[in-house]
Amino acid sequence: MEEQFRTGAMSLGWDPTTAQIVVEAYPITEVDTDDINAMLSADDEDAEAAEMLVVRMPVGTARAFSKRTREVVGAGRPICVICGQPIDADGHTCTLPEA
């Protein structure tokens, strides 16, 4: 699988006019301190990302999606009982946190 979009900030909302769940995913961006100050002082219209993914889904679809997501995540890599990190298929080296 090849990624086409890496998500930075995400938002989850409800659109009462269509009775749908709305998920917005914004791309990861490199931001320096001057850019942050400019964004904080800009209008909301100017602050929106040039690209974003918007997903709208009815409640039933959202429930099915969340159920399937829990199943997929639950079937993921097992957790190491020593360090608490996921165990990769090709091996695992524990890195214990410093006390």
Protein backbone atom coordinates (compact mmCIF):
# COMPACT_ATOMS: atom_id res chain seq x y z
CA MET A 1 0.00 0.00 0.00
CA GLU A 2 1.31 3.45 -0.86
CA GLU A 3 0.23 6.50 1.13
CA GLN A 4 -1.32 9.41 -0.70
CA PHE A 5 -2.12 11.63 2.25
CA ARG A 6 -0.61 11.92 5.74
CA THR A 7 -2.92 13.36 8.36
CA GLY A 8 -1.95 16.02 10.86
CA ALA A 9 -4.90 17.56 12.71
CA MET A 10 -8.31 15.92 12.53
CA SER A 11 -11.76 17.04 13.57
CA LEU A 12 -14.95 15.12 14.23
CA GLY A 13 -18.31 16.83 14.03
CA TRP A 14 -22.04 16.50 13.48
CA ASP A 15 -24.01 18.15 10.69
CA PRO A 16 -27.62 18.48 11.91
CA THR A 17 -28.86 19.60 8.49
CA THR A 18 -27.95 16.25 6.91
CA ALA A 19 -27.86 14.10 10.09
CA GLN A 20 -24.33 12.99 9.25
CA ILE A 21 -21.03 12.53 11.05
CA VAL A 22 -18.32 14.75 9.52
CA VAL A 23 -14.62 13.88 9.74
CA GLU A 24 -12.07 16.42 8.48
CA ALA A 25 -8.41 15.46 8.07
CA TYR A 26 -5.80 18.13 7.46
CA PRO A 27 -2.33 17.35 6.05
CA ILE A 28 0.80 17.46 8.16
CA THR A 29 2.46 20.82 7.74
CA GLU A 30 5.81 22.25 8.70
CA VAL A 31 5.16 25.42 10.68
CA ASP A 32 7.64 27.84 12.19
CA THR A 33 6.97 30.32 15.02
CA ASP A 34 6.26 33.26 12.68
CA ASP A 35 3.70 31.18 10.78
CA ILE A 36 1.91 30.24 14.02
CA ASN A 37 1.60 33.89 15.04
CA ALA A 38 0.31 34.81 11.57
CA MET A 39 -2.26 32.00 11.68
CA LEU A 40 -3.48 33.06 15.12
CA SER A 41 -4.11 36.60 13.90
CA ALA A 42 -5.66 35.60 10.54
CA ASP A 43 -9.35 35.28 9.76
CA ASP A 44 -10.87 31.79 9.93
CA GLU A 45 -11.27 31.74 6.14
CA ASP A 46 -7.55 32.40 5.67
CA ALA A 47 -6.57 29.77 8.25
CA GLU A 48 -8.13 26.83 6.37
CA ALA A 49 -5.74 24.37 4.76
CA ALA A 50 -5.41 24.37 0.98
CA GLU A 51 -6.00 20.60 0.99
CA MET A 52 -8.08 18.52 3.34
CA LEU A 53 -10.05 15.31 3.32
CA VAL A 54 -13.72 15.59 4.32
CA VAL A 55 -15.74 12.45 4.97
CA ARG A 56 -19.49 12.64 5.61
CA MET A 57 -21.35 9.53 6.65
CA PRO A 58 -24.75 8.61 8.02
CA VAL A 59 -24.90 7.41 11.63
CA GLY A 60 -25.33 3.74 10.68
CA THR A 61 -22.31 3.84 8.40
CA ALA A 62 -20.27 5.55 11.14
CA ARG A 63 -21.25 2.81 13.62
CA ALA A 64 -20.23 0.07 11.16
CA PHE A 65 -16.97 1.89 10.40
CA SER A 66 -16.08 2.25 14.09
CA LYS A 67 -16.91 -1.42 14.77
CA ARG A 68 -14.70 -2.57 11.87
CA THR A 69 -11.92 -0.21 12.98
CA ARG A 70 -11.96 -1.72 16.49
CA GLU A 71 -11.73 -5.21 14.94
CA VAL A 72 -8.78 -4.25 12.73
CA VAL A 73 -6.90 -2.49 15.54
CA GLY A 74 -7.67 -5.37 17.92
CA ALA A 75 -6.15 -7.83 15.44
CA GLY A 76 -2.97 -5.76 15.17
CA ARG A 77 0.48 -6.43 16.52
CA PRO A 78 0.68 -7.93 20.01
CA ILE A 79 2.01 -5.72 22.82
CA CYS A 80 5.26 -6.63 24.60
CA VAL A 81 4.57 -7.35 28.28
CA ILE A 82 7.98 -5.96 29.25
CA CYS A 83 8.18 -2.58 27.47
CA GLY A 84 4.57 -2.09 26.32
CA GLN A 85 5.56 -1.44 22.68
CA PRO A 86 4.10 -3.31 19.67
CA ILE A 87 6.02 -6.41 18.59
CA ASP A 88 6.99 -6.34 14.90
CA ALA A 89 6.63 -9.45 12.77
CA ASP A 90 10.38 -9.43 12.04
CA GLY A 91 11.43 -9.27 15.71
CA HIS A 92 11.46 -7.00 18.71
CA THR A 93 14.12 -5.44 20.87
CA CYS A 94 12.85 -4.08 24.16
CA THR A 95 13.88 -0.59 25.10
CA LEU A 96 13.02 -0.22 28.74
CA PRO A 97 12.20 3.29 29.91
CA GLU A 98 14.79 4.82 32.20
CA ALA A 99 13.79 4.82 35.87
